């Protein structure tokens, strides 16, 4: 793969526009996203073959989109999505979507947690911390992001994520692994 030359212009990104997922039941999905998560449906279109493509506003111009296909294969927990049973871990297959995180303001974390629970959603909380704690149920002075995890009706794991500080150079703590699990030296991004 060719590396961009230092003199070339770089891509400029504004954030995630949308992620496209697949719904088992579009009506149930609309009910959940609009009436449980308060994300308004802002676009719905038909697609060839009688399918559907719906978009929900998740803030700041970003959307969560769903396709509905007649006779789509069923969900495959532990392969294409996370198991609902946390004791089975969070591992999913290559090319799958592990979970979708939506950014929330930290000041709303506890309110949103209670709101989801009052609406009948089973939620688990993890506070991701700087070493040595790594993560905890309790919020500590070492927490850098607070996360609440839950599933939508399609088996998609969702996260409301409240970033508590900006990322910095000290947050890169390990080398990436290759397909065999061996660490590979990370190359630095070429900047203009």
Protein backbone atom coordinates (compact mmCIF):
# COMPACT_ATOMS: atom_id res chain seq x y z
CA UNK A 1 0.00 0.00 0.00
CA UNK A 2 1.41 3.38 -1.01
CA UNK A 3 2.01 5.95 1.71
CA UNK A 4 0.96 9.56 1.09
CA UNK A 5 3.86 11.86 0.28
CA UNK A 6 4.54 14.67 2.74
CA UNK A 7 3.77 17.23 0.03
CA UNK A 8 0.32 15.80 -0.79
CA UNK A 9 -2.80 17.35 0.66
CA UNK A 10 -4.33 15.30 3.47
CA UNK A 11 -7.93 14.17 3.77
CA UNK A 12 -10.00 16.33 6.10
CA UNK A 13 -12.73 14.60 8.08
CA UNK A 14 -15.57 16.08 10.11
CA UNK A 15 -16.59 12.93 11.99
CA UNK A 16 -18.76 9.93 11.23
CA UNK A 17 -21.61 10.73 8.82
CA UNK A 18 -23.51 7.49 9.38
CA UNK A 19 -23.10 3.83 10.06
CA UNK A 20 -25.41 1.46 8.19
CA UNK A 21 -26.72 -1.58 10.06
CA UNK A 22 -29.31 -4.24 9.26
CA UNK A 23 -32.66 -4.43 11.10
CA UNK A 24 -34.57 -7.64 11.68
CA UNK A 25 -37.82 -5.67 12.14
CA UNK A 26 -37.83 -2.05 10.93
CA UNK A 27 -40.97 -1.11 12.87
CA UNK A 28 -39.46 -2.38 16.13
CA UNK A 29 -36.23 -0.55 15.27
CA UNK A 30 -38.08 2.74 14.67
CA UNK A 31 -39.93 2.32 17.98
CA UNK A 32 -36.64 1.72 19.86
CA UNK A 33 -34.56 4.50 18.29
CA UNK A 34 -37.32 7.14 18.30
CA UNK A 35 -39.13 6.37 21.54
CA UNK A 36 -36.49 4.76 23.76
CA UNK A 37 -33.34 6.59 22.58
CA UNK A 38 -35.08 9.82 21.43
CA UNK A 39 -33.33 9.79 18.03
CA UNK A 40 -35.76 11.17 15.44
CA UNK A 41 -36.28 9.33 12.18
CA UNK A 42 -35.19 11.85 9.54
CA UNK A 43 -35.15 9.87 6.28
CA UNK A 44 -36.76 6.72 4.94
CA UNK A 45 -36.34 5.35 1.44
CA UNK A 46 -37.25 2.20 -0.38
CA UNK A 47 -34.54 0.16 -2.05
CA UNK A 48 -34.71 -2.30 -4.96
CA UNK A 49 -36.19 -5.68 -4.08
CA UNK A 50 -38.70 -4.23 -1.60
CA UNK A 51 -36.19 -3.33 1.09
CA UNK A 52 -35.92 -0.22 3.23
CA UNK A 53 -33.20 2.23 4.32
CA UNK A 54 -34.01 4.47 7.33
CA UNK A 55 -31.87 7.16 9.01
CA UNK A 56 -32.03 8.37 12.64
CA UNK A 57 -30.49 11.66 13.82
CA UNK A 58 -27.87 10.99 16.52
CA UNK A 59 -26.66 14.60 16.76
CA UNK A 60 -24.22 17.01 15.13
CA UNK A 61 -25.22 15.95 11.61
CA UNK A 62 -24.44 12.26 12.19
CA UNK A 63 -26.97 9.49 11.63
CA UNK A 64 -27.48 5.84 12.43
CA UNK A 65 -28.96 4.09 9.41
CA UNK A 66 -30.69 0.73 9.04
CA UNK A 67 -31.42 -1.46 6.07
CA UNK A 68 -34.25 -3.96 6.09
CA UNK A 69 -33.98 -6.84 3.60
CA UNK A 70 -36.59 -9.50 3.04
CA UNK A 71 -35.07 -12.89 3.95
CA UNK A 72 -31.84 -11.42 5.42
CA UNK A 73 -29.78 -13.97 7.39
CA UNK A 74 -30.45 -13.93 11.16
CA UNK A 75 -28.08 -12.33 13.67
CA UNK A 76 -24.97 -14.39 14.47
CA UNK A 77 -23.81 -13.52 18.02
CA UNK A 78 -20.14 -14.19 18.57
CA UNK A 79 -19.54 -14.04 14.82
CA UNK A 80 -21.03 -10.83 13.41
CA UNK A 81 -22.11 -9.23 16.70
CA UNK A 82 -21.39 -9.44 20.42
CA UNK A 83 -23.06 -12.07 22.57
CA UNK A 84 -25.85 -10.73 24.78
CA UNK A 85 -24.29 -12.82 27.57
CA UNK A 86 -21.29 -10.72 28.74
CA UNK A 87 -19.61 -13.80 30.21
CA UNK A 88 -18.98 -14.98 26.63
CA UNK A 89 -16.82 -11.90 25.96
CA UNK A 90 -16.89 -9.16 23.34
CA UNK A 91 -15.05 -10.93 20.51
CA UNK A 92 -16.58 -10.71 17.02
CA UNK A 93 -15.44 -11.81 13.56
CA UNK A 94 -13.15 -9.89 11.22
CA UNK A 95 -15.12 -7.36 9.21
CA UNK A 96 -17.99 -7.33 11.69
CA UNK A 97 -19.25 -4.39 13.70
CA UNK A 98 -18.42 -4.94 17.36
CA UNK A 99 -20.51 -2.06 18.74
CA UNK A 100 -21.62 1.48 17.93
CA UNK A 101 -20.72 4.28 20.33
CA UNK A 102 -22.67 7.55 20.39
CA UNK A 103 -21.00 10.54 22.06
CA UNK A 104 -22.81 12.14 25.00
CA UNK A 105 -21.97 15.01 27.33
CA UNK A 106 -20.45 13.68 30.60
CA UNK A 107 -22.84 15.83 32.66
CA UNK A 108 -25.76 13.79 31.25
CA UNK A 109 -24.30 10.34 31.95
CA UNK A 110 -26.17 9.46 35.15
CA UNK A 111 -29.43 10.98 33.92
CA UNK A 112 -29.28 9.01 30.66
CA UNK A 113 -28.41 5.82 32.52
CA UNK A 114 -31.49 6.17 34.71
CA UNK A 115 -33.64 7.17 31.74
CA UNK A 116 -32.68 4.01 29.82
CA UNK A 117 -33.29 1.82 32.86
CA UNK A 118 -36.67 3.47 33.50
CA UNK A 119 -37.60 2.64 29.91
CA UNK A 120 -36.87 -1.04 30.49
CA UNK A 121 -33.43 -1.20 28.87
CA UNK A 122 -30.84 -3.47 30.54
CA UNK A 123 -27.66 -1.38 30.79
CA UNK A 124 -24.13 -2.16 31.99
CA UNK A 125 -21.62 0.53 32.94
CA UNK A 126 -17.85 0.50 32.51
CA UNK A 127 -15.54 3.37 33.38
CA UNK A 128 -12.43 3.06 31.23
CA UNK A 129 -9.42 4.18 33.22
CA UNK A 130 -5.78 4.98 32.75
CA UNK A 131 -3.48 2.22 34.04
CA UNK A 132 -3.29 0.43 36.40
CA UNK A 133 -7.09 0.05 36.78
CA UNK A 134 -7.96 -0.19 33.05
CA UNK A 135 -11.70 -0.36 33.74
CA UNK A 136 -14.07 -0.38 36.68
CA UNK A 137 -17.75 -0.18 37.48
CA UNK A 138 -17.00 2.76 39.77
CA UNK A 139 -16.10 6.18 38.39
CA UNK A 140 -12.62 7.24 39.61
CA UNK A 141 -10.20 10.12 39.14
CA UNK A 142 -8.37 7.86 36.65
CA UNK A 143 -11.42 7.46 34.35
CA UNK A 144 -10.98 8.94 30.88
CA UNK A 145 -14.32 7.80 29.43
CA UNK A 146 -17.57 6.63 31.00
CA UNK A 147 -19.51 4.07 28.96
CA UNK A 148 -22.94 2.51 29.23
CA UNK A 149 -23.65 -0.51 27.04
CA UNK A 150 -26.96 -1.99 25.94
CA UNK A 151 -28.53 -3.85 23.01
CA UNK A 152 -31.09 -2.68 20.50
CA UNK A 153 -33.87 -5.06 19.35
CA UNK A 154 -31.67 -6.31 16.47
CA UNK A 155 -28.91 -7.56 18.80
CA UNK A 156 -26.64 -4.58 18.01
CA UNK A 157 -24.55 -3.53 20.98
CA UNK A 158 -24.78 0.23 21.56
CA UNK A 159 -22.70 2.47 23.78
CA UNK A 160 -23.36 5.94 25.12
CA UNK A 161 -19.81 7.27 25.58
CA UNK A 162 -18.89 10.32 27.67
CA UNK A 163 -15.29 11.39 27.00
CA UNK A 164 -13.83 13.04 30.12
CA UNK A 165 -10.62 14.44 28.62
CA UNK A 166 -8.98 14.94 25.26
CA UNK A 167 -6.68 12.27 23.89
CA UNK A 168 -2.93 12.96 23.99
CA UNK A 169 0.37 11.35 22.94
CA UNK A 170 0.51 9.37 26.19
CA UNK A 171 -2.60 7.42 25.18
CA UNK A 172 -0.75 5.27 22.60
CA UNK A 173 0.42 2.52 24.95
CA UNK A 174 1.09 -0.46 22.70
CA UNK A 175 2.13 -1.53 19.22
CA UNK A 176 -0.54 -2.95 16.89
CA UNK A 177 -0.60 -6.74 16.37
CA UNK A 178 -0.47 -8.46 13.00
CA UNK A 179 -2.89 -11.27 12.05
CA UNK A 180 -0.81 -13.76 14.06
CA UNK A 181 -0.77 -11.63 17.23
CA UNK A 182 2.75 -10.30 16.82
CA UNK A 183 3.46 -6.64 17.65
CA UNK A 184 4.34 -4.49 14.64
CA UNK A 185 6.15 -1.17 14.87
CA UNK A 186 3.72 1.65 14.22
CA UNK A 187 4.75 4.13 11.56
CA UNK A 188 4.26 7.79 12.27
CA UNK A 189 1.67 9.77 10.35
CA UNK A 190 3.30 12.01 7.78
CA UNK A 191 2.13 15.59 8.40
CA UNK A 192 2.31 18.51 5.98
